[in-house]
Every structure is written in C-alpha cells, then in structure tokens.
Amino acid sequence: MSSRLNPYLGFRDNAREAMDFYQSVFGGDIVRTTYGEYDASEDPAEKDKIMHSELTTTSGFSLMASDTPKSMEVPTSSSVSVSLSGEDEAELTGYWDKLIDGGSVMMPLNKAPWGDSFGMVTDKFGTAWMVNISGTPA
C-alpha cells in the first residue's frame, strides 16, 4: 500500500454518533473497535467507547475517529479544517447540504472570486469543513 494522509478526529464520548453521521453524509463502510475489545482502558465506563474507527467510501475517502479517554484532555480548538474539493457539483453540494444540518455555516457555499464555488461550515460535532467546487474554465 502506498502512503496515505487521513483526517483523524478526536471526540470525548460521541465518536460513534459522529461517524454514523459522516456515514450518512458520505456513504461507505465503518470499521470500529472499542476500548473493551482490547482491554485498553482501566475505566469500565469506557468499555463501549470507540478506540478506533474508520469510514471508507466508494469515492476513496477515509475518515478516522476515536473517543478520547477521560484520562486525557480533548483539544478544545484547532486550526485544521477538512477540505472537500472537486468538479462534481451535485456530489459536493449534496455533502454540503448534509454537513450544514445542525451545524454553523461560517461562509455560505457561493461563487468565490477565483471562479469556484466555496463554503465553510462547522458541523454539529465541531468539525470544520471547507467545500470547493471547481468552476467552469473560461
């Protein structure tokens, strides 16, 4: 396998819910393991929490996430955004429409000065997304 770069999202107690949401947005299949499956937490309350999950889609997307154990801090802010870009307007607009449900639109998906359509949203789980749909060449 060649090298890959994947977004890996951290949550406190809702990685399962977040990944189910992302599956509803992008489709694909989720593989999950819990802390209990590997006896990876001394806290019995964390046995069903997600130690690792990965959503893989037919479009080639791979999104990973886990629940951060109570013994560790969850970062409260980040300058990272997950970027979706391409030429398929219907596909990307469909992702946008689902990501904004319950989220906060930072910049509406509109024509940008560089000729593409661009928008920014923070979804209901606090993940920042940028969507860029390539414009028609002149």
N, C-alpha and C. Protein backbone atom coordinates (compact mmCIF):
# COMPACT_ATOMS: atom_id res chain seq x y z
N MET A 1 0.85 -1.18 0.00
CA MET A 1 0.00 0.00 0.00
C MET A 1 0.89 1.24 0.00
N SER A 2 0.51 2.22 -0.79
CA SER A 2 1.25 3.48 -0.78
C SER A 2 0.85 4.29 0.45
N SER A 3 1.61 5.33 0.73
CA SER A 3 1.32 6.18 1.89
C SER A 3 0.02 6.94 1.68
N ARG A 4 -0.65 7.23 2.80
CA ARG A 4 -1.90 7.99 2.77
C ARG A 4 -1.86 9.04 3.86
N LEU A 5 -2.63 10.08 3.69
CA LEU A 5 -2.84 11.10 4.71
C LEU A 5 -4.34 11.12 4.99
N ASN A 6 -4.71 10.89 6.26
CA ASN A 6 -6.12 10.80 6.61
C ASN A 6 -6.45 11.74 7.76
N PRO A 7 -7.60 12.41 7.67
CA PRO A 7 -8.08 13.12 8.86
C PRO A 7 -8.41 12.12 9.97
N TYR A 8 -7.99 12.43 11.19
CA TYR A 8 -8.30 11.60 12.35
C TYR A 8 -8.92 12.52 13.40
N LEU A 9 -10.21 12.33 13.66
CA LEU A 9 -10.96 13.22 14.53
C LEU A 9 -11.04 12.66 15.94
N GLY A 10 -10.90 13.52 16.92
CA GLY A 10 -11.00 13.11 18.31
C GLY A 10 -12.26 13.65 18.96
N PHE A 11 -12.93 12.80 19.70
CA PHE A 11 -14.16 13.16 20.40
C PHE A 11 -14.04 12.70 21.86
N ARG A 12 -14.93 13.18 22.71
CA ARG A 12 -14.91 12.72 24.10
C ARG A 12 -15.78 11.46 24.24
N ASP A 13 -17.03 11.56 23.92
CA ASP A 13 -17.93 10.42 24.13
C ASP A 13 -18.88 10.17 22.96
N ASN A 14 -18.67 10.83 21.85
CA ASN A 14 -19.65 10.69 20.77
C ASN A 14 -19.02 10.35 19.41
N ALA A 15 -17.89 9.64 19.41
CA ALA A 15 -17.27 9.24 18.14
C ALA A 15 -18.21 8.32 17.34
N ARG A 16 -18.90 7.42 18.03
CA ARG A 16 -19.82 6.51 17.32
C ARG A 16 -20.91 7.31 16.61
N GLU A 17 -21.53 8.25 17.33
CA GLU A 17 -22.59 9.07 16.75
C GLU A 17 -22.05 9.92 15.60
N ALA A 18 -20.86 10.51 15.78
CA ALA A 18 -20.27 11.34 14.74
C ALA A 18 -19.98 10.52 13.49
N MET A 19 -19.39 9.35 13.66
CA MET A 19 -19.06 8.54 12.49
C MET A 19 -20.32 8.03 11.79
N ASP A 20 -21.37 7.73 12.54
CA ASP A 20 -22.65 7.36 11.91
C ASP A 20 -23.18 8.54 11.08
N PHE A 21 -23.02 9.77 11.61
CA PHE A 21 -23.43 10.96 10.87
C PHE A 21 -22.61 11.09 9.58
N TYR A 22 -21.29 10.95 9.67
CA TYR A 22 -20.44 11.07 8.48
C TYR A 22 -20.75 9.98 7.47
N GLN A 23 -21.12 8.79 7.94
CA GLN A 23 -21.53 7.73 7.03
C GLN A 23 -22.82 8.14 6.31
N SER A 24 -23.74 8.83 7.01
CA SER A 24 -24.97 9.29 6.36
C SER A 24 -24.69 10.38 5.33
N VAL A 25 -23.60 11.12 5.52
CA VAL A 25 -23.21 12.17 4.58
C VAL A 25 -22.51 11.57 3.36
N PHE A 26 -21.51 10.73 3.59
CA PHE A 26 -20.63 10.27 2.52
C PHE A 26 -20.88 8.84 2.05
N GLY A 27 -21.71 8.08 2.78
CA GLY A 27 -21.88 6.67 2.44
C GLY A 27 -20.67 5.89 2.92
N GLY A 28 -20.51 4.69 2.44
CA GLY A 28 -19.34 3.89 2.77
C GLY A 28 -19.56 2.95 3.94
N ASP A 29 -18.46 2.37 4.39
CA ASP A 29 -18.48 1.38 5.45
C ASP A 29 -17.60 1.82 6.60
N ILE A 30 -18.06 1.51 7.82
CA ILE A 30 -17.31 1.84 9.03
C ILE A 30 -16.81 0.57 9.69
N VAL A 31 -15.55 0.59 10.08
CA VAL A 31 -14.96 -0.45 10.91
C VAL A 31 -14.65 0.21 12.24
N ARG A 32 -15.06 -0.44 13.36
CA ARG A 32 -14.86 0.14 14.69
C ARG A 32 -14.29 -0.89 15.64
N THR A 33 -13.49 -0.40 16.58
CA THR A 33 -13.06 -1.21 17.71
C THR A 33 -13.29 -0.39 18.97
N THR A 34 -13.60 -1.07 20.05
CA THR A 34 -13.86 -0.38 21.32
C THR A 34 -12.70 -0.62 22.28
N TYR A 35 -12.65 0.22 23.31
CA TYR A 35 -11.63 0.04 24.35
C TYR A 35 -11.80 -1.32 25.03
N GLY A 36 -13.04 -1.74 25.19
CA GLY A 36 -13.30 -3.02 25.84
C GLY A 36 -12.78 -4.21 25.07
N GLU A 37 -12.81 -4.14 23.74
CA GLU A 37 -12.33 -5.26 22.92
C GLU A 37 -10.85 -5.53 23.14
N TYR A 38 -10.10 -4.51 23.53
CA TYR A 38 -8.65 -4.66 23.72
C TYR A 38 -8.22 -4.42 25.16
N ASP A 39 -9.19 -4.38 26.08
CA ASP A 39 -8.88 -4.07 27.47
C ASP A 39 -7.93 -2.86 27.54
N ALA A 40 -8.26 -1.83 26.79
CA ALA A 40 -7.37 -0.68 26.64
C ALA A 40 -7.69 0.46 27.61
N SER A 41 -8.66 0.27 28.49
CA SER A 41 -8.98 1.29 29.49
C SER A 41 -9.23 0.62 30.82
N GLU A 42 -8.74 1.25 31.86
CA GLU A 42 -8.98 0.73 33.21
C GLU A 42 -10.35 1.16 33.73
N ASP A 43 -11.00 2.09 33.03
CA ASP A 43 -12.31 2.60 33.42
C ASP A 43 -13.40 1.75 32.76
N PRO A 44 -14.16 0.98 33.54
CA PRO A 44 -15.21 0.14 32.96
C PRO A 44 -16.26 0.94 32.18
N ALA A 45 -16.43 2.21 32.51
CA ALA A 45 -17.40 3.05 31.81
C ALA A 45 -16.97 3.33 30.37
N GLU A 46 -15.71 3.06 30.06
CA GLU A 46 -15.22 3.35 28.71
C GLU A 46 -15.16 2.12 27.81
N LYS A 47 -15.64 0.98 28.29
CA LYS A 47 -15.51 -0.26 27.52
C LYS A 47 -16.20 -0.19 26.15
N ASP A 48 -17.31 0.55 26.04
CA ASP A 48 -18.02 0.64 24.77
C ASP A 48 -17.65 1.87 23.96
N LYS A 49 -16.73 2.67 24.48
CA LYS A 49 -16.27 3.86 23.74
C LYS A 49 -15.38 3.41 22.59
N ILE A 50 -15.29 4.25 21.57
CA ILE A 50 -14.56 3.92 20.35
C ILE A 50 -13.06 4.18 20.53
N MET A 51 -12.28 3.12 20.42
CA MET A 51 -10.83 3.25 20.46
C MET A 51 -10.30 3.65 19.08
N HIS A 52 -10.93 3.13 18.04
CA HIS A 52 -10.56 3.46 16.66
C HIS A 52 -11.74 3.15 15.75
N SER A 53 -11.99 4.04 14.80
CA SER A 53 -12.99 3.78 13.77
C SER A 53 -12.49 4.38 12.46
N GLU A 54 -12.90 3.76 11.37
CA GLU A 54 -12.54 4.28 10.06
C GLU A 54 -13.72 4.12 9.11
N LEU A 55 -14.06 5.22 8.47
CA LEU A 55 -15.08 5.25 7.43
C LEU A 55 -14.35 5.27 6.09
N THR A 56 -14.65 4.30 5.23
CA THR A 56 -14.06 4.24 3.90
C THR A 56 -15.21 4.28 2.89
N THR A 57 -15.10 5.19 1.91
CA THR A 57 -16.19 5.36 0.95
C THR A 57 -15.78 4.90 -0.45
N THR A 58 -16.76 4.74 -1.29
CA THR A 58 -16.50 4.35 -2.68
C THR A 58 -15.81 5.46 -3.45
N SER A 59 -15.89 6.71 -2.96
CA SER A 59 -15.19 7.83 -3.59
C SER A 59 -13.71 7.87 -3.22
N GLY A 60 -13.29 6.95 -2.33
CA GLY A 60 -11.89 6.92 -1.92
C GLY A 60 -11.60 7.72 -0.67
N PHE A 61 -12.63 8.23 -0.01
CA PHE A 61 -12.43 8.97 1.23
C PHE A 61 -12.14 7.99 2.37
N SER A 62 -11.31 8.45 3.29
CA SER A 62 -11.05 7.70 4.52
C SER A 62 -11.05 8.71 5.66
N LEU A 63 -11.94 8.51 6.61
CA LEU A 63 -12.07 9.40 7.76
C LEU A 63 -11.99 8.54 9.01
N MET A 64 -11.10 8.90 9.92
CA MET A 64 -10.90 8.12 11.14
C MET A 64 -11.30 8.94 12.35
N ALA A 65 -11.67 8.24 13.44
CA ALA A 65 -12.06 8.93 14.67
C ALA A 65 -11.98 7.99 15.85
N SER A 66 -11.91 8.60 17.04
CA SER A 66 -11.94 7.84 18.28
C SER A 66 -12.47 8.71 19.40
N ASP A 67 -12.84 8.06 20.50
CA ASP A 67 -13.19 8.75 21.73
C ASP A 67 -11.92 8.90 22.56
N THR A 68 -11.66 10.09 23.04
CA THR A 68 -10.51 10.33 23.90
C THR A 68 -10.85 9.85 25.30
N PRO A 69 -9.99 9.01 25.90
CA PRO A 69 -10.28 8.53 27.26
C PRO A 69 -10.34 9.69 28.25
N LYS A 70 -11.09 9.49 29.32
CA LYS A 70 -11.24 10.53 30.34
C LYS A 70 -9.89 10.92 30.96
N SER A 71 -8.90 10.03 30.91
CA SER A 71 -7.59 10.31 31.48
C SER A 71 -6.76 11.28 30.63
N MET A 72 -7.27 11.60 29.43
CA MET A 72 -6.55 12.51 28.52
C MET A 72 -7.42 13.72 28.22
N GLU A 73 -6.78 14.83 27.90
CA GLU A 73 -7.51 16.04 27.52
C GLU A 73 -7.90 15.98 26.05
N VAL A 74 -9.07 16.52 25.75
CA VAL A 74 -9.50 16.66 24.36
C VAL A 74 -9.17 18.08 23.95
N PRO A 75 -8.47 18.28 22.84
CA PRO A 75 -8.21 19.66 22.39
C PRO A 75 -9.52 20.41 22.20
N THR A 76 -9.55 21.65 22.65
CA THR A 76 -10.78 22.43 22.55
C THR A 76 -10.85 23.27 21.29
N SER A 77 -9.72 23.44 20.62
CA SER A 77 -9.75 24.20 19.37
C SER A 77 -8.65 23.69 18.46
N SER A 78 -8.81 23.97 17.19
CA SER A 78 -7.84 23.53 16.21
C SER A 78 -7.92 24.46 15.00
N SER A 79 -6.82 24.57 14.30
CA SER A 79 -6.83 25.36 13.08
C SER A 79 -7.00 24.46 11.87
N VAL A 80 -7.34 23.20 12.07
CA VAL A 80 -7.48 22.25 10.98
C VAL A 80 -8.92 22.22 10.48
N SER A 81 -9.07 22.23 9.17
CA SER A 81 -10.37 22.02 8.53
C SER A 81 -10.23 20.84 7.58
N VAL A 82 -11.29 20.08 7.43
CA VAL A 82 -11.30 19.00 6.45
C VAL A 82 -11.82 19.62 5.15
N SER A 83 -11.08 19.45 4.08
CA SER A 83 -11.42 20.08 2.81
C SER A 83 -11.94 19.05 1.82
N LEU A 84 -13.07 19.36 1.23
CA LEU A 84 -13.66 18.56 0.15
C LEU A 84 -13.59 19.40 -1.11
N SER A 85 -13.05 18.85 -2.17
CA SER A 85 -12.97 19.62 -3.41
C SER A 85 -13.09 18.70 -4.60
N GLY A 86 -13.51 19.27 -5.70
CA GLY A 86 -13.64 18.51 -6.93
C GLY A 86 -14.52 19.24 -7.92
N GLU A 87 -14.90 18.51 -8.96
CA GLU A 87 -15.68 19.09 -10.05
C GLU A 87 -17.14 18.69 -10.05
N ASP A 88 -17.50 17.63 -9.31
CA ASP A 88 -18.86 17.12 -9.33
C ASP A 88 -19.74 17.97 -8.43
N GLU A 89 -20.41 18.94 -9.03
CA GLU A 89 -21.22 19.90 -8.28
C GLU A 89 -22.34 19.22 -7.49
N ALA A 90 -23.03 18.28 -8.11
CA ALA A 90 -24.14 17.61 -7.42
C ALA A 90 -23.64 16.83 -6.22
N GLU A 91 -22.53 16.10 -6.37
CA GLU A 91 -21.98 15.31 -5.27
C GLU A 91 -21.55 16.22 -4.12
N LEU A 92 -20.77 17.25 -4.43
CA LEU A 92 -20.23 18.12 -3.38
C LEU A 92 -21.31 18.97 -2.73
N THR A 93 -22.28 19.42 -3.50
CA THR A 93 -23.40 20.17 -2.92
C THR A 93 -24.22 19.26 -2.01
N GLY A 94 -24.36 18.00 -2.38
CA GLY A 94 -25.06 17.04 -1.52
C GLY A 94 -24.35 16.85 -0.19
N TYR A 95 -23.01 16.75 -0.21
CA TYR A 95 -22.26 16.67 1.05
C TYR A 95 -22.48 17.93 1.88
N TRP A 96 -22.38 19.08 1.23
CA TRP A 96 -22.57 20.37 1.91
C TRP A 96 -23.93 20.42 2.60
N ASP A 97 -24.98 20.07 1.87
CA ASP A 97 -26.34 20.14 2.42
C ASP A 97 -26.48 19.26 3.66
N LYS A 98 -25.81 18.13 3.69
CA LYS A 98 -25.88 17.25 4.86
C LYS A 98 -25.00 17.74 5.99
N LEU A 99 -23.82 18.28 5.68
CA LEU A 99 -22.91 18.76 6.72
C LEU A 99 -23.46 19.97 7.46
N ILE A 100 -24.25 20.81 6.78
CA ILE A 100 -24.76 22.01 7.45
C ILE A 100 -25.93 21.71 8.38
N ASP A 101 -26.53 20.52 8.26
CA ASP A 101 -27.66 20.16 9.11
C ASP A 101 -27.21 20.11 10.58
N GLY A 102 -27.69 21.07 11.36
CA GLY A 102 -27.32 21.16 12.77
C GLY A 102 -26.00 21.84 13.01
N GLY A 103 -25.33 22.26 11.94
CA GLY A 103 -24.03 22.92 12.06
C GLY A 103 -24.14 24.43 11.96
N SER A 104 -22.99 25.08 11.91
CA SER A 104 -22.91 26.54 11.79
C SER A 104 -22.18 26.89 10.50
N VAL A 105 -22.88 27.56 9.61
CA VAL A 105 -22.27 27.98 8.35
C VAL A 105 -21.41 29.20 8.61
N MET A 106 -20.13 29.07 8.33
CA MET A 106 -19.19 30.18 8.52
C MET A 106 -19.14 31.05 7.27
N MET A 107 -19.26 30.40 6.11
CA MET A 107 -19.30 31.10 4.83
C MET A 107 -20.20 30.28 3.92
N PRO A 108 -21.29 30.88 3.44
CA PRO A 108 -22.21 30.12 2.58
C PRO A 108 -21.51 29.61 1.32
N LEU A 109 -22.01 28.53 0.78
CA LEU A 109 -21.47 27.96 -0.46
C LEU A 109 -21.94 28.83 -1.62
N ASN A 110 -21.04 29.68 -2.10
CA ASN A 110 -21.33 30.64 -3.16
C ASN A 110 -20.14 30.75 -4.10
N LYS A 111 -20.36 31.46 -5.21
CA LYS A 111 -19.28 31.73 -6.17
C LYS A 111 -18.20 32.54 -5.48
N ALA A 112 -16.96 32.08 -5.60
CA ALA A 112 -15.81 32.74 -4.98
C ALA A 112 -15.07 33.58 -6.02
N PRO A 113 -14.24 34.53 -5.57
CA PRO A 113 -13.51 35.38 -6.51
C PRO A 113 -12.62 34.60 -7.49
N TRP A 114 -12.16 33.40 -7.11
CA TRP A 114 -11.29 32.63 -8.00
C TRP A 114 -12.09 31.79 -9.00
N GLY A 115 -13.43 31.93 -8.99
CA GLY A 115 -14.26 31.28 -10.00
C GLY A 115 -14.91 29.98 -9.58
N ASP A 116 -14.49 29.43 -8.45
CA ASP A 116 -15.10 28.21 -7.94
C ASP A 116 -16.24 28.57 -7.01
N SER A 117 -17.02 27.59 -6.61
CA SER A 117 -17.97 27.76 -5.52
C SER A 117 -17.28 27.27 -4.26
N PHE A 118 -17.41 28.04 -3.17
CA PHE A 118 -16.69 27.73 -1.94
C PHE A 118 -17.55 28.06 -0.74
N GLY A 119 -17.48 27.20 0.29
CA GLY A 119 -18.18 27.46 1.53
C GLY A 119 -17.47 26.80 2.70
N MET A 120 -17.76 27.30 3.91
CA MET A 120 -17.16 26.76 5.12
C MET A 120 -18.25 26.54 6.16
N VAL A 121 -18.19 25.39 6.84
CA VAL A 121 -19.17 25.04 7.86
C VAL A 121 -18.47 24.31 9.01
N THR A 122 -18.96 24.53 10.19
CA THR A 122 -18.58 23.70 11.34
C THR A 122 -19.77 22.82 11.64
N ASP A 123 -19.60 21.50 11.51
CA ASP A 123 -20.74 20.60 11.67
C ASP A 123 -21.17 20.49 13.13
N LYS A 124 -22.24 19.76 13.36
CA LYS A 124 -22.82 19.66 14.70
C LYS A 124 -21.91 18.96 15.70
N PHE A 125 -20.81 18.36 15.24
CA PHE A 125 -19.85 17.72 16.14
C PHE A 125 -18.60 18.57 16.35
N GLY A 126 -18.60 19.79 15.76
CA GLY A 126 -17.48 20.71 15.95
C GLY A 126 -16.36 20.57 14.94
N THR A 127 -16.55 19.76 13.90
CA THR A 127 -15.53 19.59 12.87
C THR A 127 -15.71 20.67 11.80
N ALA A 128 -14.62 21.35 11.46
CA ALA A 128 -14.65 22.40 10.43
C ALA A 128 -14.44 21.76 9.06
N TRP A 129 -15.26 22.18 8.10
CA TRP A 129 -15.21 21.67 6.74
C TRP A 129 -15.12 22.83 5.76
N MET A 130 -14.39 22.65 4.68
CA MET A 130 -14.37 23.58 3.55
C MET A 130 -14.79 22.78 2.32
N VAL A 131 -15.68 23.34 1.52
CA VAL A 131 -16.12 22.68 0.29
C VAL A 131 -15.79 23.61 -0.87
N ASN A 132 -15.08 23.10 -1.85
CA ASN A 132 -14.70 23.87 -3.04
C ASN A 132 -15.11 23.10 -4.28
N ILE A 133 -15.98 23.69 -5.09
CA ILE A 133 -16.44 23.06 -6.33
C ILE A 133 -15.82 23.83 -7.48
N SER A 134 -15.01 23.14 -8.28
CA SER A 134 -14.29 23.78 -9.38
C SER A 134 -15.25 24.46 -10.34
N GLY A 135 -14.89 25.69 -10.75
CA GLY A 135 -15.69 26.45 -11.69
C GLY A 135 -15.44 25.97 -13.11
N THR A 136 -16.25 26.47 -14.00
CA THR A 136 -16.10 26.13 -15.40
C THR A 136 -14.97 26.98 -15.98
N PRO A 137 -13.98 26.35 -16.64
CA PRO A 137 -12.89 27.12 -17.24
C PRO A 137 -13.41 28.09 -18.29
N ALA A 138 -12.75 29.23 -18.41
CA ALA A 138 -13.17 30.25 -19.38
C ALA A 138 -12.84 29.82 -20.78
